PDB file of N, CA and C in Angstrom:
ATOM      1  N   MET A   1     153.468  25.209  87.286  1.00  0.00           N
ATOM      2  CA  MET A   1     154.659  25.328  86.232  1.00  0.00           C
ATOM      3  C   MET A   1     153.462  26.395  85.623  1.00  0.00           C
ATOM      4  N   ARG A   2     152.582  26.604  85.788  1.00  0.00           N
ATOM      5  CA  ARG A   2     151.985  27.815  85.050  1.00  0.00           C
ATOM      6  C   ARG A   2     152.139  28.834  85.959  1.00  0.00           C
ATOM      7  N   LEU A   3     151.823  28.945  86.925  1.00  0.00           N
ATOM      8  CA  LEU A   3     151.863  29.736  87.961  1.00  0.00           C
ATOM      9  C   LEU A   3     154.096  30.460  88.052  1.00  0.00           C
ATOM     10  N   LEU A   4     154.682  29.317  88.176  1.00  0.00           N
ATOM     11  CA  LEU A   4     155.877  29.874  87.911  1.00  0.00           C
ATOM     12  C   LEU A   4     156.162  30.968  86.488  1.00  0.00           C
ATOM     13  N   LEU A   5     155.499  30.099  85.555  1.00  0.00           N
ATOM     14  CA  LEU A   5     155.597  30.955  84.349  1.00  0.00           C
ATOM     15  C   LEU A   5     155.002  32.584  84.447  1.00  0.00           C
ATOM     16  N   LEU A   6     153.807  32.580  85.136  1.00  0.00           N
ATOM     17  CA  LEU A   6     153.426  33.628  85.506  1.00  0.00           C
ATOM     18  C   LEU A   6     153.856  34.622  86.272  1.00  0.00           C
ATOM     19  N   ALA A   7     154.336  33.706  87.165  1.00  0.00           N
ATOM     20  CA  ALA A   7     155.427  34.670  88.489  1.00  0.00           C
ATOM     21  C   ALA A   7     156.674  35.524  88.028  1.00  0.00           C
ATOM     22  N   LEU A   8     156.721  35.115  86.909  1.00  0.00           N
ATOM     23  CA  LEU A   8     158.287  35.001  86.180  1.00  0.00           C
ATOM     24  C   LEU A   8     158.178  36.405  85.309  1.00  0.00           C
ATOM     25  N   SER A   9     156.644  36.089  84.650  1.00  0.00           N
ATOM     26  CA  SER A   9     156.532  36.813  83.606  1.00  0.00           C
ATOM     27  C   SER A   9     155.768  38.478  83.797  1.00  0.00           C
ATOM     28  N   ALA A  10     155.311  37.902  85.701  1.00  0.00           N
ATOM     29  CA  ALA A  10     155.115  39.883  86.008  1.00  0.00           C
ATOM     30  C   ALA A  10     156.900  40.093  86.684  1.00  0.00           C
ATOM     31  N   ALA A  11     157.598  39.652  86.891  1.00  0.00           N
ATOM     32  CA  ALA A  11     158.490  39.990  87.242  1.00  0.00           C
ATOM     33  C   ALA A  11     159.555  40.695  86.455  1.00  0.00           C
ATOM     34  N   ALA A  12     159.616  40.181  84.935  1.00  0.00           N
ATOM     35  CA  ALA A  12     159.921  40.607  84.184  1.00  0.00           C
ATOM     36  C   ALA A  12     159.768  41.601  83.600  1.00  0.00           C
ATOM     37  N   VAL A  13     157.988  42.036  83.740  1.00  0.00           N
ATOM     38  CA  VAL A  13     157.515  43.255  83.706  1.00  0.00           C
ATOM     39  C   VAL A  13     157.779  44.357  83.921  1.00  0.00           C
ATOM     40  N   GLY A  14     157.934  44.107  85.858  1.00  0.00           N
ATOM     41  CA  GLY A  14     158.022  44.977  87.189  1.00  0.00           C
ATOM     42  C   GLY A  14     159.576  45.703  86.720  1.00  0.00           C
ATOM     43  N   THR A  15     160.559  44.475  86.145  1.00  0.00           N
ATOM     44  CA  THR A  15     162.151  45.387  85.623  1.00  0.00           C
ATOM     45  C   THR A  15     161.493  46.574  85.018  1.00  0.00           C
ATOM     46  N   LEU A  16     160.553  45.703  83.984  1.00  0.00           N
ATOM     47  CA  LEU A  16     161.115  46.766  82.625  1.00  0.00           C
ATOM     48  C   LEU A  16     160.516  47.556  82.835  1.00  0.00           C
ATOM     49  N   ALA A  17     160.305  48.059  83.671  1.00  0.00           N
ATOM     50  CA  ALA A  17     158.706  49.426  84.141  1.00  0.00           C
ATOM     51  C   ALA A  17     160.196  49.632  84.835  1.00  0.00           C
ATOM     52  N   PHE A  18     160.712  49.416  86.206  1.00  0.00           N
ATOM     53  CA  PHE A  18     161.491  50.178  86.733  1.00  0.00           C
ATOM     54  C   PHE A  18     163.140  51.029  85.809  1.00  0.00           C
ATOM     55  N   THR A  19     163.161  49.712  85.137  1.00  0.00           N
ATOM     56  CA  THR A  19     164.538  50.443  84.073  1.00  0.00           C
ATOM     57  C   THR A  19     164.156  51.881  83.602  1.00  0.00           C
ATOM     58  N   GLN A  20     162.284  51.293  82.663  1.00  0.00           N
ATOM     59  CA  GLN A  20     162.004  52.367  81.721  1.00  0.00           C
ATOM     60  C   GLN A  20     161.972  53.282  82.919  1.00  0.00           C
ATOM     61  N   ALA A  21     161.390  53.423  83.973  1.00  0.00           N
ATOM     62  CA  ALA A  21     161.004  54.975  84.833  1.00  0.00           C
ATOM     63  C   ALA A  21     162.279  55.465  85.378  1.00  0.00           C
ATOM     64  N   GLN A  22     163.420  54.811  85.199  1.00  0.00           N
ATOM     65  CA  GLN A  22     164.603  55.084  85.173  1.00  0.00           C
ATOM     66  C   GLN A  22     165.658  55.808  84.096  1.00  0.00           C
ATOM     67  N   ALA A  23     165.229  55.538  83.050  1.00  0.00           N
ATOM     68  CA  ALA A  23     166.260  55.470  82.016  1.00  0.00           C
ATOM     69  C   ALA A  23     166.243  56.868  81.912  1.00  0.00           C
ATOM     70  N   ALA A  24     165.272  58.009  81.839  1.00  0.00           N
ATOM     71  CA  ALA A  24     165.593  59.516  81.359  1.00  0.00           C
ATOM     72  C   ALA A  24     166.637  60.176  82.593  1.00  0.00           C
ATOM     73  N   SER A  25     166.698  61.562  82.441  1.00  0.00           N
ATOM     74  CA  SER A  25     167.241  62.484  83.542  1.00  0.00           C
ATOM     75  C   SER A  25     165.829  62.840  84.539  1.00  0.00           C
ATOM     76  N   PHE A  26     164.592  62.728  83.626  1.00  0.00           N
ATOM     77  CA  PHE A  26     163.628  63.120  84.967  1.00  0.00           C
ATOM     78  C   PHE A  26     163.020  61.916  85.093  1.00  0.00           C
ATOM     79  N   SER A  27     161.849  61.413  85.831  1.00  0.00           N
ATOM     80  CA  SER A  27     160.927  60.524  86.441  1.00  0.00           C
ATOM     81  C   SER A  27     159.989  60.231  85.129  1.00  0.00           C
ATOM     82  N   CYS A  28     160.065  58.972  84.959  1.00  0.00           N
ATOM     83  CA  CYS A  28     159.350  59.086  83.976  1.00  0.00           C
ATOM     84  C   CYS A  28     157.532  58.184  84.896  1.00  0.00           C
ATOM     85  N   ASP A  29     158.274  58.157  86.051  1.00  0.00           N
ATOM     86  CA  ASP A  29     156.607  58.330  86.455  1.00  0.00           C
ATOM     87  C   ASP A  29     155.091  59.670  86.648  1.00  0.00           C
ATOM     88  N   GLY A  30     155.818  60.885  85.768  1.00  0.00           N
ATOM     89  CA  GLY A  30     155.016  61.725  85.894  1.00  0.00           C
ATOM     90  C   GLY A  30     155.095  62.363  84.385  1.00  0.00           C
ATOM     91  N   ALA A  31     155.635  61.485  83.309  1.00  0.00           N
ATOM     92  CA  ALA A  31     155.682  61.958  82.316  1.00  0.00           C
ATOM     93  C   ALA A  31     154.160  62.300  81.183  1.00  0.00           C
ATOM     94  N   SER A  32     153.867  63.456  81.452  1.00  0.00           N
ATOM     95  CA  SER A  32     152.469  63.687  80.849  1.00  0.00           C
ATOM     96  C   SER A  32     152.954  64.257  79.089  1.00  0.00           C
ATOM     97  N   LEU A  33     153.381  65.024  79.337  1.00  0.00           N
ATOM     98  CA  LEU A  33     153.495  65.367  77.506  1.00  0.00           C
ATOM     99  C   LEU A  33     154.094  64.214  76.605  1.00  0.00           C
ATOM    100  N   PRO A  34     153.692  64.529  75.295  1.00  0.00           N
ATOM    101  CA  PRO A  34     154.063  63.383  74.727  1.00  0.00           C
ATOM    102  C   PRO A  34     155.529  63.072  74.388  1.00  0.00           C
ATOM    103  N   ALA A  35     156.141  64.251  74.479  1.00  0.00           N
ATOM    104  CA  ALA A  35     157.395  64.696  73.830  1.00  0.00           C
ATOM    105  C   ALA A  35     157.896  63.970  75.494  1.00  0.00           C
ATOM    106  N   GLU A  36     157.361  63.897  76.941  1.00  0.00           N
ATOM    107  CA  GLU A  36     158.419  63.069  77.924  1.00  0.00           C
ATOM    108  C   GLU A  36     157.917  61.470  77.420  1.00  0.00           C
ATOM    109  N   ARG A  37     157.106  61.189  77.095  1.00  0.00           N
ATOM    110  CA  ARG A  37     156.375  59.897  76.895  1.00  0.00           C
ATOM    111  C   ARG A  37     157.609  59.145  75.980  1.00  0.00           C
ATOM    112  N   ALA A  38     157.010  60.270  74.802  1.00  0.00           N
ATOM    113  CA  ALA A  38     158.073  59.404  73.497  1.00  0.00           C
ATOM    114  C   ALA A  38     159.776  59.131  74.757  1.00  0.00           C
ATOM    115  N   VAL A  39     160.778  59.731  74.923  1.00  0.00           N
ATOM    116  CA  VAL A  39     162.067  59.746  75.945  1.00  0.00           C
ATOM    117  C   VAL A  39     161.863  58.568  76.197  1.00  0.00           C
ATOM    118  N   CYS A  40     161.097  58.625  77.789  1.00  0.00           N
ATOM    119  CA  CYS A  40     160.777  57.306  78.480  1.00  0.00           C
ATOM    120  C   CYS A  40     160.655  55.897  77.636  1.00  0.00           C
ATOM    121  N   GLY A  41     159.589  56.009  76.716  1.00  0.00           N
ATOM    122  CA  GLY A  41     159.790  54.843  75.733  1.00  0.00           C
ATOM    123  C   GLY A  41     160.636  54.545  74.566  1.00  0.00           C
ATOM    124  N   ASN A  42     161.669  55.497  74.731  1.00  0.00           N
ATOM    125  CA  ASN A  42     162.529  54.766  73.619  1.00  0.00           C
ATOM    126  C   ASN A  42     164.750  54.858  74.433  1.00  0.00           C
ATOM    127  N   ARG A  43     165.008  53.882  74.089  1.00  0.00           N
ATOM    128  CA  ARG A  43     165.924  53.987  74.740  1.00  0.00           C
ATOM    129  C   ARG A  43     167.107  55.308  73.953  1.00  0.00           C
ATOM    130  N   ARG A  44     166.880  54.831  72.918  1.00  0.00           N
ATOM    131  CA  ARG A  44     167.903  56.005  72.153  1.00  0.00           C
ATOM    132  C   ARG A  44     167.969  57.441  72.662  1.00  0.00           C
ATOM    133  N   LEU A  45     166.509  58.324  72.658  1.00  0.00           N
ATOM    134  CA  LEU A  45     165.846  59.145  72.919  1.00  0.00           C
ATOM    135  C   LEU A  45     166.546  59.621  74.317  1.00  0.00           C
ATOM    136  N   SER A  46     166.029  58.325  75.648  1.00  0.00           N
ATOM    137  CA  SER A  46     165.875  58.310  76.361  1.00  0.00           C
ATOM    138  C   SER A  46     168.297  58.781  77.322  1.00  0.00           C
ATOM    139  N   ALA A  47     168.799  58.312  76.679  1.00  0.00           N
ATOM    140  CA  ALA A  47     170.302  57.923  76.659  1.00  0.00           C
ATOM    141  C   ALA A  47     170.498  59.964  75.793  1.00  0.00           C
ATOM    142  N   LEU A  48     170.324  60.006  74.707  1.00  0.00           N
ATOM    143  CA  LEU A  48     169.989  60.804  74.235  1.00  0.00           C
ATOM    144  C   LEU A  48     169.795  62.417  75.889  1.00  0.00           C
ATOM    145  N   ASP A  49     168.748  62.155  76.653  1.00  0.00           N
ATOM    146  CA  ASP A  49     168.358  62.860  77.429  1.00  0.00           C
ATOM    147  C   ASP A  49     169.203  63.471  78.519  1.00  0.00           C
ATOM    148  N   GLU A  50     169.777  61.653  79.040  1.00  0.00           N
ATOM    149  CA  GLU A  50     170.738  61.867  80.032  1.00  0.00           C
ATOM    150  C   GLU A  50     171.871  62.318  79.560  1.00  0.00           C
ATOM    151  N   ARG A  51     172.536  62.375  78.114  1.00  0.00           N
ATOM    152  CA  ARG A  51     173.761  62.946  77.861  1.00  0.00           C
ATOM    153  C   ARG A  51     173.389  64.427  77.709  1.00  0.00           C
ATOM    154  N   LEU A  52     172.302  64.693  77.831  1.00  0.00           N
ATOM    155  CA  LEU A  52     171.475  66.342  77.686  1.00  0.00           C
ATOM    156  C   LEU A  52     172.090  67.024  78.779  1.00  0.00           C
ATOM    157  N   ALA A  53     171.246  65.624  79.967  1.00  0.00           N
ATOM    158  CA  ALA A  53     171.368  66.104  81.825  1.00  0.00           C
ATOM    159  C   ALA A  53     173.065  66.582  81.650  1.00  0.00           C
ATOM    160  N   TYR A  54     173.929  65.664  81.145  1.00  0.00           N
ATOM    161  CA  TYR A  54     175.267  65.508  81.533  1.00  0.00           C
ATOM    162  C   TYR A  54     175.510  67.006  81.347  1.00  0.00           C
ATOM    163  N   TRP A  55     175.642  67.391  79.956  1.00  0.00           N
ATOM    164  CA  TRP A  55     176.290  68.670  79.764  1.00  0.00           C
ATOM    165  C   TRP A  55     175.766  69.959  80.385  1.00  0.00           C
ATOM    166  N   TYR A  56     173.991  69.677  80.600  1.00  0.00           N
ATOM    167  CA  TYR A  56     173.840  70.955  81.256  1.00  0.00           C
ATOM    168  C   TYR A  56     173.963  70.908  82.698  1.00  0.00           C
ATOM    169  N   GLY A  57     174.202  69.906  83.389  1.00  0.00           N
ATOM    170  CA  GLY A  57     175.082  70.048  84.370  1.00  0.00           C
ATOM    171  C   GLY A  57     176.410  70.477  84.430  1.00  0.00           C
ATOM    172  N   ARG A  58     177.440  70.448  83.392  1.00  0.00           N
ATOM    173  CA  ARG A  58     178.529  71.081  83.396  1.00  0.00           C
ATOM    174  C   ARG A  58     178.670  72.317  83.376  1.00  0.00           C
ATOM    175  N   ALA A  59     177.319  72.762  82.053  1.00  0.00           N
ATOM    176  CA  ALA A  59     177.044  74.501  81.803  1.00  0.00           C
ATOM    177  C   ALA A  59     176.401  75.301  83.216  1.00  0.00           C
ATOM    178  N   GLN A  60     175.659  74.662  84.002  1.00  0.00           N
ATOM    179  CA  GLN A  60     175.831  75.191  85.070  1.00  0.00           C
ATOM    180  C   GLN A  60     176.558  75.431  86.096  1.00  0.00           C
ATOM    181  N   VAL A  61     177.707  74.662  85.942  1.00  0.00           N
ATOM    182  CA  VAL A  61     178.840  75.250  86.967  1.00  0.00           C
ATOM    183  C   VAL A  61     179.513  76.136  86.161  1.00  0.00           C
ATOM    184  N   ARG A  62     179.663  76.484  84.944  1.00  0.00           N
ATOM    185  CA  ARG A  62     180.063  77.224  84.266  1.00  0.00           C
ATOM    186  C   ARG A  62     179.463  78.339  84.616  1.00  0.00           C
ATOM    187  N   ALA A  63     178.256  78.950  83.805  1.00  0.00           N
ATOM    188  CA  ALA A  63     177.189  79.583  83.886  1.00  0.00           C
ATOM    189  C   ALA A  63     177.331  80.329  85.445  1.00  0.00           C
ATOM    190  N   ARG A  64     177.443  79.493  86.875  1.00  0.00           N
ATOM    191  CA  ARG A  64     177.512  80.266  87.864  1.00  0.00           C
ATOM    192  C   ARG A  64     178.794  81.108  88.089  1.00  0.00           C
ATOM    193  N   TYR A  65     180.095  80.407  87.793  1.00  0.00           N
ATOM    194  CA  TYR A  65     181.326  81.044  87.593  1.00  0.00           C
ATOM    195  C   TYR A  65     181.072  82.477  87.257  1.00  0.00           C
ATOM    196  N   PHE A  66     180.355  82.603  85.717  1.00  0.00           N
ATOM    197  CA  PHE A  66     180.008  83.757  84.761  1.00  0.00           C
ATOM    198  C   PHE A  66     178.820  84.603  85.295  1.00  0.00           C
ATOM    199  N   ASP A  67     178.373  84.184  86.393  1.00  0.00           N
ATOM    200  CA  ASP A  67     177.010  84.775  86.259  1.00  0.00           C
ATOM    201  C   ASP A  67     176.221  84.997  85.560  1.00  0.00           C
ATOM    202  N   GLN A  68     175.506  83.302  85.082  1.00  0.00           N
ATOM    203  CA  GLN A  68     175.125  83.786  84.055  1.00  0.00           C
ATOM    204  C   GLN A  68     173.999  82.610  83.631  1.00  0.00           C
ATOM    205  N   THR A  69     173.597  82.109  85.395  1.00  0.00           N
ATOM    206  CA  THR A  69     172.877  81.133  85.550  1.00  0.00           C
ATOM    207  C   THR A  69     171.438  81.266  85.536  1.00  0.00           C
ATOM    208  N   GLU A  70     170.895  82.801  85.448  1.00  0.00           N
ATOM    209  CA  GLU A  70     169.489  83.090  84.826  1.00  0.00           C
ATOM    210  C   GLU A  70     169.669  82.861  83.542  1.00  0.00           C
ATOM    211  N   TRP A  71     170.808  83.156  82.661  1.00  0.00           N
ATOM    212  CA  TRP A  71     170.491  82.579  81.301  1.00  0.00           C
ATOM    213  C   TRP A  71     170.565  81.640  80.724  1.00  0.00           C
ATOM    214  N   LEU A  72     171.218  80.547  81.692  1.00  0.00           N
ATOM    215  CA  LEU A  72     170.922  79.534  81.059  1.00  0.00           C
ATOM    216  C   LEU A  72     169.917  78.873  81.492  1.00  0.00           C
ATOM    217  N   ARG A  73     169.684  78.836  82.707  1.00  0.00           N
ATOM    218  CA  ARG A  73     168.219  78.178  82.972  1.00  0.00           C
ATOM    219  C   ARG A  73     166.582  78.671  81.975  1.00  0.00           C
ATOM    220  N   ASN A  74     166.587  80.342  81.523  1.00  0.00           N
ATOM    221  CA  ASN A  74     165.861  80.720  80.496  1.00  0.00           C
ATOM    222  C   ASN A  74     166.458  79.946  78.737  1.00  0.00           C
ATOM    223  N   ALA A  75     167.011  79.606  78.479  1.00  0.00           N
ATOM    224  CA  ALA A  75     167.657  78.720  77.450  1.00  0.00           C
ATOM    225  C   ALA A  75     167.112  77.850  77.441  1.00  0.00           C
ATOM    226  N   GLN A  76     167.588  77.229  79.103  1.00  0.00           N
ATOM    227  CA  GLN A  76     167.030  75.808  79.133  1.00  0.00           C
ATOM    228  C   GLN A  76     165.389  75.662  79.095  1.00  0.00           C
ATOM    229  N   ARG A  77     164.886  76.665  79.606  1.00  0.00           N
ATOM    230  CA  ARG A  77     163.142  76.839  79.708  1.00  0.00           C
ATOM    231  C   ARG A  77     163.136  76.689  77.988  1.00  0.00           C
ATOM    232  N   ALA A  78     163.249  77.440  77.225  1.00  0.00           N
ATOM    233  CA  ALA A  78     162.689  77.661  76.054  1.00  0.00           C
ATOM    234  C   ALA A  78     163.502  76.357  74.961  1.00  0.00           C
ATOM    235  N   TRP A  79     164.496  76.295  75.328  1.00  0.00           N
ATOM    236  CA  TRP A  79     164.522  74.422  74.470  1.00  0.00           C
ATOM    237  C   TRP A  79     164.244  73.760  74.698  1.00  0.00           C
ATOM    238  N   LEU A  80     163.540  73.804  76.303  1.00  0.00           N
ATOM    239  CA  LEU A  80     162.375  72.356  76.341  1.00  0.00           C
ATOM    240  C   LEU A  80     160.852  72.508  75.725  1.00  0.00           C
ATOM    241  N   ALA A  81     160.147  74.361  75.765  1.00  0.00           N
ATOM    242  CA  ALA A  81     159.040  74.462  75.036  1.00  0.00           C
ATOM    243  C   ALA A  81     159.179  74.031  73.393  1.00  0.00           C
ATOM    244  N   ASN A  82     160.740  73.712  73.295  1.00  0.00           N
ATOM    245  CA  ASN A  82     160.799  73.844  71.751  1.00  0.00           C
ATOM    246  C   ASN A  82     160.752  71.911  71.108  1.00  0.00           C
ATOM    247  N   ARG A  83     161.972  71.411  72.399  1.00  0.00           N
ATOM    248  CA  ARG A  83     161.622  70.036  72.386  1.00  0.00           C
ATOM    249  C   ARG A  83     159.850  69.416  72.542  1.00  0.00           C
ATOM    250  N   ASN A  84     158.868  70.030  73.239  1.00  0.00           N
ATOM    251  CA  ASN A  84     157.874  69.675  73.582  1.00  0.00           C
ATOM    252  C   ASN A  84     156.803  69.607  72.239  1.00  0.00           C
ATOM    253  N   ALA A  85     157.394  70.443  71.729  1.00  0.00           N
ATOM    254  CA  ALA A  85     156.565  71.086  70.226  1.00  0.00           C
ATOM    255  C   ALA A  85     156.960  69.982  69.091  1.00  0.00           C
ATOM    256  N   CYS A  86     157.641  68.594  69.634  1.00  0.00           N
ATOM    257  CA  CYS A  86     158.028  68.128  68.812  1.00  0.00           C
ATOM    258  C   CYS A  86     156.692  66.970  69.084  1.00  0.00           C
ATOM    259  N   GLY A  87     156.087  67.280  69.656  1.00  0.00           N
ATOM    260  CA  GLY A  87     155.244  65.844  70.027  1.00  0.00           C
ATOM    261  C   GLY A  87     155.675  63.944  70.255  1.00  0.00           C
ATOM    262  N   MET A  88     155.032  63.459  69.694  1.00  0.00           N
ATOM    263  CA  MET A  88     156.174  61.932  70.004  1.00  0.00           C
ATOM    264  C   MET A  88     156.999  61.963  68.610  1.00  0.00           C
ATOM    265  N   SER A  89     157.375  62.819  67.823  1.00  0.00           N
ATOM    266  CA  SER A  89     158.423  62.702  66.789  1.00  0.00           C
ATOM    267  C   SER A  89     159.278  62.227  67.435  1.00  0.00           C
ATOM    268  N   ALA A  90     160.178  61.016  67.020  1.00  0.00           N
ATOM    269  CA  ALA A  90     161.029  60.507  67.863  1.00  0.00           C
ATOM    270  C   ALA A  90     162.117  61.933  66.848  1.00  0.00           C
ATOM    271  N   TRP A  91     161.988  61.736  65.684  1.00  0.00           N
ATOM    272  CA  TRP A  91     162.951  62.359  64.422  1.00  0.00           C
ATOM    273  C   TRP A  91     163.261  63.598  65.056  1.00  0.00           C
ATOM    274  N   CYS A  92     162.629  64.627  65.130  1.00  0.00           N
ATOM    275  CA  CYS A  92     162.180  65.479  65.806  1.00  0.00           C
ATOM    276  C   CYS A  92     163.054  65.457  67.302  1.00  0.00           C
ATOM    277  N   LEU A  93     162.585  64.529  67.947  1.00  0.00           N
ATOM    278  CA  LEU A  93     163.423  65.062  69.546  1.00  0.00           C
ATOM    279  C   LEU A  93     165.243  64.788  69.616  1.00  0.00           C
ATOM    280  N   ARG A  94     165.230  63.729  68.177  1.00  0.00           N
ATOM    281  CA  ARG A  94     166.444  63.838  68.163  1.00  0.00           C
ATOM    282  C   ARG A  94     167.098  64.497  67.617  1.00  0.00           C
ATOM    283  N   ALA A  95     166.505  65.351  66.982  1.00  0.00           N
ATOM    284  CA  ALA A  95     167.142  66.524  66.224  1.00  0.00           C
ATOM    285  C   ALA A  95     167.465  67.939  67.294  1.00  0.00           C
ATOM    286  N   LYS A  96     166.543  67.414  67.923  1.00  0.00           N
ATOM    287  CA  LYS A  96     166.299  68.939  69.224  1.00  0.00           C
ATOM    288  C   LYS A  96     167.678  68.390  70.342  1.00  0.00           C
ATOM    289  N   TYR A  97     167.411  67.054  70.744  1.00  0.00           N
ATOM    290  CA  TYR A  97     168.732  66.695  71.765  1.00  0.00           C
ATOM    291  C   TYR A  97     169.974  67.277  71.263  1.00  0.00           C
ATOM    292  N   HIS A  98     170.148  66.882  69.877  1.00  0.00           N
ATOM    293  CA  HIS A  98     171.559  67.071  68.696  1.00  0.00           C
ATOM    294  C   HIS A  98     171.673  67.958  68.837  1.00  0.00           C
ATOM    295  N   GLU A  99     171.062  69.093  68.898  1.00  0.00           N
ATOM    296  CA  GLU A  99     171.188  70.570  68.963  1.00  0.00           C
ATOM    297  C   GLU A  99     171.404  71.110  70.150  1.00  0.00           C
ATOM    298  N   ARG A 100     170.394  71.213  70.963  1.00  0.00           N
ATOM    299  CA  ARG A 100     171.069  71.153  72.646  1.00  0.00           C
ATOM    300  C   ARG A 100     172.053  70.761  73.493  1.00  0.00           C
ATOM    301  N   ILE A 101     172.745  69.308  73.244  1.00  0.00           N
ATOM    302  CA  ILE A 101     173.860  68.859  73.453  1.00  0.00           C
ATOM    303  C   ILE A 101     174.564  69.681  72.573  1.00  0.00           C
ATOM    304  N   ARG A 102     175.373  69.789  71.765  1.00  0.00           N
ATOM    305  CA  ARG A 102     175.990  70.461  70.528  1.00  0.00           C
ATOM    306  C   ARG A 102     176.441  71.995  71.594  1.00  0.00           C
ATOM    307  N   ARG A 103     175.563  72.885  71.890  1.00  0.00           N
ATOM    308  CA  ARG A 103     175.658  74.104  71.754  1.00  0.00           C
ATOM    309  C   ARG A 103     176.031  73.698  73.619  1.00  0.00           C
ATOM    310  N   LEU A 104     175.327  73.383  74.370  1.00  0.00           N
ATOM    311  CA  LEU A 104     175.935  73.430  75.749  1.00  0.00           C
ATOM    312  C   LEU A 104     177.154  72.945  75.571  1.00  0.00           C
ATOM    313  N   LYS A 105     177.730  72.230  74.944  1.00  0.00           N
ATOM    314  CA  LYS A 105     178.609  71.451  75.062  1.00  0.00           C
ATOM    315  C   LYS A 105     180.170  72.811  74.556  1.00  0.00           C
ATOM    316  N   ASN A 106     180.141  73.078  73.427  1.00  0.00           N
ATOM    317  CA  ASN A 106     180.534  74.288  72.992  1.00  0.00           C
ATOM    318  C   ASN A 106     179.939  75.836  74.598  1.00  0.00           C
ATOM    319  N   TYR A 107     179.298  75.490  74.584  1.00  0.00           N
ATOM    320  CA  TYR A 107     178.897  76.581  76.363  1.00  0.00           C
ATOM    321  C   TYR A 107     180.432  76.252  77.245  1.00  0.00           C
ATOM    322  N   VAL A 108     180.548  74.832  77.535  1.00  0.00           N
ATOM    323  CA  VAL A 108     180.858  74.730  78.328  1.00  0.00           C
ATOM    324  C   VAL A 108     182.697  74.497  77.977  1.00  0.00           C
ATOM    325  N   GLU A 109     182.991  74.700  76.925  1.00  0.00           N
ATOM    326  CA  GLU A 109     184.592  74.147  76.056  1.00  0.00           C
ATOM    327  C   GLU A 109     184.720  75.872  75.367  1.00  0.00           C
ATOM    328  N   HIS A 110     183.872  76.908  75.776  1.00  0.00           N
ATOM    329  CA  HIS A 110     184.960  77.761  74.499  1.00  0.00           C
ATOM    330  C   HIS A 110     184.215  79.073  75.831  1.00  0.00           C
ATOM    331  N   VAL A 111     183.491  78.746  76.916  1.00  0.00           N
ATOM    332  CA  VAL A 111     183.475  80.104  77.595  1.00  0.00           C
ATOM    333  C   VAL A 111     183.836  80.432  78.748  1.00  0.00           C
TER     334      VAL A 111
END
């Protein structure tokens, strides 16, 4: 019985680690920055990261149409630096994600 409980516990931990590693739009296995670790460890932040990835993908399609891919890439790099400045602060990260999603959505829908 004890061996069965140990096996079930190990399986549950393994499933949790796999789910967490796949939760964000980037691989959590290589998350080294505090902001990345915060996103990987927080379901709400991870969901925001996935939502941002969706809108960034749509913005990339739009940017190609208007020959603005370099501008969009540079804006995303600047945003990432800004996001990373939040460190582990979930409040700061949520605010950064909401703002960037709003901007990307606006770009997609109005450019």
